[in-house]
Structures are given as structure tokens and as C-alpha cells.
Amino acid sequence: MVAVTGPNDEPAPDVEEADPGLARERTSMAWTRTAISFAAAGAAILKDRLVPGIVVLALGLVTLGLPRAFPRLGTGHAARQRRLLLITITVTAVAVVALGVALTARSAGR
């Protein structure tokens, strides 16, 4: 493994240590990207099927609103665990609804 060096042959600082705020920004961008994906899929489904398209669009709104609705649930280990549990439950619920839509929606050819 080759060590990365910065100016004057000093070890380059770790990206996470240099600016830990970037991790939050990347996470926020990931949530936004996922919501946009749901919106695009919902719009495509909406062309053929009204109800499943609306459900998928609503899931995009839930995905976009979740991190903004609960930006901080406090500090400390217990608060972090509550937030992770809430996100896990919500993501699981979104996945179950999406699976239900996928299994119950009829194809356009039928």
C-alpha cells in the first residue's frame, strides 16, 4: 500500500478528518438523489397506471421529507440509535409499499 503524501512530502490528511461536514452533505445529497429517482419512476408509472404512479410519487415525497423532518433527535448515543431506528423503520415501510405496488399492479399488456 502506497502512502499518499501532500505538499512537502507530509502525509495527506484523511478526507473525513479534514472536513467532517462533508459526510452530512453527501448523506443529504443521497437522500435527494433517492427522492428524485422515486419521482422519475413514479412519473414513468403514472403514464400507464394512475394509482401505482401516485403511490410511488408519494414515496418520493416521504423519502425527501424524512431527513428534513427529523434533522436532530438530540445528542448522544441513545438519540443516535432512536434516529437510526426511525430511519430503518421508514425505509422498510417504503420498501414494503413499493413491493406491494410492484406485485399488485397489472402490466399494460394485460
N, C-alpha and C. Protein backbone atom coordinates (compact mmCIF):
# COMPACT_ATOMS: atom_id res chain seq x y z
N MET A 1 0.84 -1.17 0.00
CA MET A 1 0.00 0.00 0.00
C MET A 1 0.89 1.24 0.00
N VAL A 2 0.61 2.17 -0.88
CA VAL A 2 1.41 3.38 -1.02
C VAL A 2 0.75 4.50 -0.23
N ALA A 3 1.53 5.19 0.58
CA ALA A 3 1.01 6.31 1.36
C ALA A 3 0.87 7.53 0.47
N VAL A 4 -0.25 8.21 0.58
CA VAL A 4 -0.47 9.43 -0.17
C VAL A 4 0.17 10.57 0.60
N THR A 5 0.92 11.38 -0.12
CA THR A 5 1.59 12.49 0.55
C THR A 5 1.09 13.80 0.00
N GLY A 6 1.13 14.79 0.83
CA GLY A 6 0.73 16.13 0.45
C GLY A 6 1.95 16.96 0.12
N PRO A 7 1.80 18.29 0.17
CA PRO A 7 2.96 19.15 -0.08
C PRO A 7 4.06 18.88 0.95
N ASN A 8 5.29 19.03 0.54
CA ASN A 8 6.47 18.84 1.40
C ASN A 8 6.58 17.41 1.89
N ASP A 9 6.05 16.45 1.13
CA ASP A 9 6.11 15.02 1.46
C ASP A 9 5.54 14.68 2.83
N GLU A 10 4.58 15.46 3.29
CA GLU A 10 3.89 15.14 4.54
C GLU A 10 2.67 14.29 4.19
N PRO A 11 2.27 13.40 5.10
CA PRO A 11 1.08 12.59 4.81
C PRO A 11 -0.15 13.48 4.61
N ALA A 12 -0.91 13.18 3.57
CA ALA A 12 -2.12 13.95 3.31
C ALA A 12 -3.14 13.66 4.39
N PRO A 13 -3.89 14.67 4.82
CA PRO A 13 -4.88 14.42 5.86
C PRO A 13 -6.02 13.56 5.32
N ASP A 14 -6.60 12.76 6.22
CA ASP A 14 -7.74 11.94 5.85
C ASP A 14 -8.90 12.85 5.48
N VAL A 15 -9.64 12.49 4.45
CA VAL A 15 -10.74 13.34 3.98
C VAL A 15 -11.77 13.54 5.08
N GLU A 16 -12.11 12.49 5.81
CA GLU A 16 -13.10 12.61 6.89
C GLU A 16 -12.61 13.52 8.01
N GLU A 17 -11.32 13.47 8.30
CA GLU A 17 -10.78 14.31 9.36
C GLU A 17 -10.62 15.75 8.90
N ALA A 18 -10.35 15.95 7.62
CA ALA A 18 -10.13 17.30 7.11
C ALA A 18 -11.40 18.13 7.17
N ASP A 19 -12.52 17.56 6.78
CA ASP A 19 -13.79 18.28 6.79
C ASP A 19 -14.93 17.31 7.06
N PRO A 20 -15.20 17.01 8.33
CA PRO A 20 -16.24 16.04 8.64
C PRO A 20 -17.63 16.50 8.21
N GLY A 21 -17.82 17.77 7.91
CA GLY A 21 -19.10 18.27 7.45
C GLY A 21 -19.50 17.73 6.08
N LEU A 22 -18.53 17.27 5.32
CA LEU A 22 -18.83 16.73 4.00
C LEU A 22 -19.65 15.45 4.09
N ALA A 23 -19.50 14.70 5.15
CA ALA A 23 -20.28 13.47 5.30
C ALA A 23 -21.76 13.79 5.37
N ARG A 24 -22.13 14.82 6.09
CA ARG A 24 -23.53 15.22 6.17
C ARG A 24 -24.05 15.68 4.82
N GLU A 25 -23.21 16.41 4.09
CA GLU A 25 -23.61 16.89 2.77
C GLU A 25 -23.82 15.72 1.80
N ARG A 26 -22.91 14.75 1.85
CA ARG A 26 -23.07 13.58 0.98
C ARG A 26 -24.33 12.80 1.33
N THR A 27 -24.63 12.67 2.60
CA THR A 27 -25.85 11.98 3.02
C THR A 27 -27.08 12.71 2.55
N SER A 28 -27.08 14.02 2.69
CA SER A 28 -28.21 14.82 2.22
C SER A 28 -28.39 14.68 0.71
N MET A 29 -27.30 14.69 0.00
CA MET A 29 -27.38 14.53 -1.46
C MET A 29 -27.90 13.14 -1.82
N ALA A 30 -27.53 12.13 -1.07
CA ALA A 30 -28.01 10.77 -1.33
C ALA A 30 -29.52 10.67 -1.13
N TRP A 31 -30.04 11.29 -0.06
CA TRP A 31 -31.49 11.29 0.18
C TRP A 31 -32.20 12.01 -0.97
N THR A 32 -31.66 13.14 -1.41
CA THR A 32 -32.26 13.89 -2.50
C THR A 32 -32.23 13.09 -3.79
N ARG A 33 -31.12 12.44 -4.06
CA ARG A 33 -30.99 11.62 -5.27
C ARG A 33 -32.00 10.47 -5.25
N THR A 34 -32.19 9.85 -4.10
CA THR A 34 -33.17 8.77 -3.99
C THR A 34 -34.58 9.28 -4.22
N ALA A 35 -34.91 10.44 -3.66
CA ALA A 35 -36.24 11.02 -3.85
C ALA A 35 -36.48 11.36 -5.32
N ILE A 36 -35.46 11.88 -5.99
CA ILE A 36 -35.59 12.18 -7.42
C ILE A 36 -35.82 10.90 -8.21
N SER A 37 -35.13 9.82 -7.83
CA SER A 37 -35.33 8.54 -8.51
C SER A 37 -36.75 8.04 -8.35
N PHE A 38 -37.29 8.15 -7.12
CA PHE A 38 -38.69 7.76 -6.91
C PHE A 38 -39.62 8.62 -7.75
N ALA A 39 -39.36 9.92 -7.82
CA ALA A 39 -40.22 10.80 -8.60
C ALA A 39 -40.17 10.44 -10.08
N ALA A 40 -38.99 10.14 -10.59
CA ALA A 40 -38.86 9.77 -12.00
C ALA A 40 -39.58 8.45 -12.28
N ALA A 41 -39.41 7.48 -11.39
CA ALA A 41 -40.09 6.19 -11.57
C ALA A 41 -41.60 6.38 -11.45
N GLY A 42 -42.04 7.20 -10.51
CA GLY A 42 -43.47 7.47 -10.35
C GLY A 42 -44.07 8.14 -11.56
N ALA A 43 -43.33 9.08 -12.15
CA ALA A 43 -43.81 9.75 -13.36
C ALA A 43 -43.91 8.77 -14.52
N ALA A 44 -42.95 7.87 -14.64
CA ALA A 44 -42.99 6.87 -15.70
C ALA A 44 -44.16 5.91 -15.51
N ILE A 45 -44.40 5.51 -14.27
CA ILE A 45 -45.52 4.60 -13.98
C ILE A 45 -46.84 5.32 -14.19
N LEU A 46 -46.87 6.60 -13.87
CA LEU A 46 -48.09 7.40 -13.98
C LEU A 46 -48.62 7.45 -15.41
N LYS A 47 -47.75 7.28 -16.38
CA LYS A 47 -48.19 7.29 -17.78
C LYS A 47 -49.19 6.17 -18.06
N ASP A 48 -48.97 4.99 -17.46
CA ASP A 48 -49.81 3.83 -17.73
C ASP A 48 -50.82 3.55 -16.62
N ARG A 49 -50.41 3.74 -15.38
CA ARG A 49 -51.26 3.39 -14.23
C ARG A 49 -51.31 4.55 -13.25
N LEU A 50 -52.50 5.03 -12.97
CA LEU A 50 -52.66 6.20 -12.12
C LEU A 50 -52.31 5.92 -10.66
N VAL A 51 -52.96 4.94 -10.04
CA VAL A 51 -52.79 4.70 -8.60
C VAL A 51 -51.36 4.29 -8.23
N PRO A 52 -50.78 3.30 -8.91
CA PRO A 52 -49.38 2.97 -8.55
C PRO A 52 -48.42 4.14 -8.77
N GLY A 53 -48.65 4.93 -9.82
CA GLY A 53 -47.79 6.10 -10.06
C GLY A 53 -47.87 7.11 -8.94
N ILE A 54 -49.11 7.35 -8.46
CA ILE A 54 -49.29 8.29 -7.34
C ILE A 54 -48.63 7.76 -6.08
N VAL A 55 -48.74 6.45 -5.84
CA VAL A 55 -48.12 5.86 -4.65
C VAL A 55 -46.61 6.02 -4.71
N VAL A 56 -46.01 5.75 -5.85
CA VAL A 56 -44.55 5.88 -5.97
C VAL A 56 -44.12 7.34 -5.84
N LEU A 57 -44.89 8.27 -6.41
CA LEU A 57 -44.59 9.69 -6.22
C LEU A 57 -44.67 10.08 -4.75
N ALA A 58 -45.66 9.55 -4.04
CA ALA A 58 -45.79 9.83 -2.60
C ALA A 58 -44.59 9.27 -1.84
N LEU A 59 -44.11 8.10 -2.25
CA LEU A 59 -42.92 7.54 -1.60
C LEU A 59 -41.71 8.45 -1.81
N GLY A 60 -41.65 9.09 -2.96
CA GLY A 60 -40.57 10.04 -3.20
C GLY A 60 -40.64 11.23 -2.26
N LEU A 61 -41.86 11.70 -2.00
CA LEU A 61 -42.03 12.81 -1.04
C LEU A 61 -41.64 12.38 0.37
N VAL A 62 -42.02 11.15 0.74
CA VAL A 62 -41.64 10.64 2.06
C VAL A 62 -40.13 10.56 2.16
N THR A 63 -39.49 10.04 1.11
CA THR A 63 -38.03 9.92 1.11
C THR A 63 -37.36 11.28 1.20
N LEU A 64 -37.92 12.27 0.53
CA LEU A 64 -37.35 13.61 0.57
C LEU A 64 -37.59 14.27 1.94
N GLY A 65 -38.75 14.03 2.52
CA GLY A 65 -39.10 14.70 3.77
C GLY A 65 -38.55 14.08 5.03
N LEU A 66 -38.21 12.80 4.99
CA LEU A 66 -37.78 12.12 6.22
C LEU A 66 -36.57 12.77 6.88
N PRO A 67 -35.46 12.97 6.19
CA PRO A 67 -34.32 13.56 6.89
C PRO A 67 -34.55 15.02 7.30
N ARG A 68 -35.44 15.70 6.59
CA ARG A 68 -35.72 17.10 6.94
C ARG A 68 -36.69 17.18 8.12
N ALA A 69 -37.53 16.17 8.29
CA ALA A 69 -38.49 16.17 9.39
C ALA A 69 -37.81 15.90 10.73
N PHE A 70 -36.74 15.11 10.70
CA PHE A 70 -36.05 14.77 11.93
C PHE A 70 -34.55 15.02 11.79
N PRO A 71 -34.14 16.29 11.66
CA PRO A 71 -32.72 16.55 11.46
C PRO A 71 -31.87 16.17 12.67
N ARG A 72 -32.39 16.40 13.83
CA ARG A 72 -31.67 16.05 15.06
C ARG A 72 -32.70 15.59 16.09
N LEU A 73 -32.50 14.43 16.62
CA LEU A 73 -33.37 13.93 17.69
C LEU A 73 -32.66 14.01 19.03
N GLY A 74 -31.74 14.91 19.13
CA GLY A 74 -30.96 15.04 20.36
C GLY A 74 -29.52 14.65 20.08
N THR A 75 -28.76 14.62 21.14
CA THR A 75 -27.36 14.25 21.01
C THR A 75 -27.10 13.03 21.85
N GLY A 76 -26.02 12.39 21.60
CA GLY A 76 -25.64 11.23 22.38
C GLY A 76 -25.97 9.93 21.67
N HIS A 77 -25.52 8.86 22.29
CA HIS A 77 -25.66 7.53 21.72
C HIS A 77 -27.12 7.09 21.62
N ALA A 78 -27.91 7.31 22.66
CA ALA A 78 -29.32 6.88 22.65
C ALA A 78 -30.12 7.62 21.58
N ALA A 79 -29.88 8.91 21.42
CA ALA A 79 -30.58 9.69 20.40
C ALA A 79 -30.20 9.22 19.00
N ARG A 80 -28.94 8.91 18.81
CA ARG A 80 -28.48 8.42 17.50
C ARG A 80 -29.14 7.08 17.19
N GLN A 81 -29.28 6.23 18.18
CA GLN A 81 -29.93 4.93 17.97
C GLN A 81 -31.41 5.10 17.65
N ARG A 82 -32.09 6.05 18.32
CA ARG A 82 -33.50 6.31 18.02
C ARG A 82 -33.67 6.78 16.58
N ARG A 83 -32.78 7.67 16.15
CA ARG A 83 -32.86 8.18 14.78
C ARG A 83 -32.62 7.07 13.77
N LEU A 84 -31.62 6.22 14.01
CA LEU A 84 -31.35 5.11 13.10
C LEU A 84 -32.53 4.14 13.06
N LEU A 85 -33.16 3.89 14.20
CA LEU A 85 -34.32 3.01 14.24
C LEU A 85 -35.48 3.61 13.44
N LEU A 86 -35.72 4.90 13.59
CA LEU A 86 -36.78 5.57 12.85
C LEU A 86 -36.52 5.50 11.35
N ILE A 87 -35.30 5.76 10.93
CA ILE A 87 -34.97 5.69 9.51
C ILE A 87 -35.10 4.27 9.00
N THR A 88 -34.66 3.28 9.77
CA THR A 88 -34.76 1.89 9.36
C THR A 88 -36.21 1.47 9.19
N ILE A 89 -37.06 1.84 10.13
CA ILE A 89 -38.48 1.50 10.03
C ILE A 89 -39.11 2.17 8.82
N THR A 90 -38.80 3.43 8.58
CA THR A 90 -39.39 4.15 7.45
C THR A 90 -38.92 3.58 6.12
N VAL A 91 -37.63 3.30 6.00
CA VAL A 91 -37.11 2.73 4.75
C VAL A 91 -37.72 1.35 4.51
N THR A 92 -37.88 0.57 5.55
CA THR A 92 -38.53 -0.74 5.41
C THR A 92 -39.98 -0.59 4.97
N ALA A 93 -40.69 0.37 5.55
CA ALA A 93 -42.08 0.60 5.15
C ALA A 93 -42.17 1.04 3.70
N VAL A 94 -41.28 1.91 3.27
CA VAL A 94 -41.26 2.35 1.87
C VAL A 94 -41.00 1.16 0.96
N ALA A 95 -40.07 0.29 1.34
CA ALA A 95 -39.76 -0.89 0.52
C ALA A 95 -40.95 -1.84 0.45
N VAL A 96 -41.65 -2.03 1.56
CA VAL A 96 -42.82 -2.92 1.56
C VAL A 96 -43.92 -2.35 0.67
N VAL A 97 -44.16 -1.05 0.76
CA VAL A 97 -45.18 -0.42 -0.10
C VAL A 97 -44.78 -0.55 -1.56
N ALA A 98 -43.52 -0.29 -1.88
CA ALA A 98 -43.05 -0.41 -3.27
C ALA A 98 -43.19 -1.85 -3.76
N LEU A 99 -42.89 -2.82 -2.91
CA LEU A 99 -43.06 -4.22 -3.28
C LEU A 99 -44.53 -4.54 -3.52
N GLY A 100 -45.40 -4.02 -2.65
CA GLY A 100 -46.83 -4.23 -2.83
C GLY A 100 -47.33 -3.65 -4.14
N VAL A 101 -46.87 -2.46 -4.48
CA VAL A 101 -47.26 -1.84 -5.75
C VAL A 101 -46.76 -2.68 -6.92
N ALA A 102 -45.53 -3.15 -6.83
CA ALA A 102 -44.95 -3.94 -7.92
C ALA A 102 -45.70 -5.27 -8.10
N LEU A 103 -46.13 -5.88 -7.01
CA LEU A 103 -46.80 -7.17 -7.11
C LEU A 103 -48.27 -7.07 -7.49
N THR A 104 -48.91 -5.97 -7.14
CA THR A 104 -50.34 -5.86 -7.42
C THR A 104 -50.67 -5.11 -8.69
N ALA A 105 -49.77 -4.32 -9.21
CA ALA A 105 -50.03 -3.57 -10.44
C ALA A 105 -49.99 -4.51 -11.63
N ARG A 106 -50.98 -4.39 -12.47
CA ARG A 106 -51.02 -5.22 -13.68
C ARG A 106 -50.17 -4.55 -14.76
N SER A 107 -49.61 -5.37 -15.61
CA SER A 107 -48.81 -4.81 -16.71
C SER A 107 -49.74 -4.21 -17.74
N ALA A 108 -49.22 -3.34 -18.59
CA ALA A 108 -50.01 -2.63 -19.60
C ALA A 108 -50.54 -3.58 -20.66
N GLY A 109 -49.89 -4.73 -20.87
CA GLY A 109 -50.29 -5.67 -21.91
C GLY A 109 -51.48 -6.54 -21.52
N ARG A 110 -51.88 -6.57 -20.27
CA ARG A 110 -52.95 -7.47 -19.81
C ARG A 110 -54.29 -6.85 -19.93
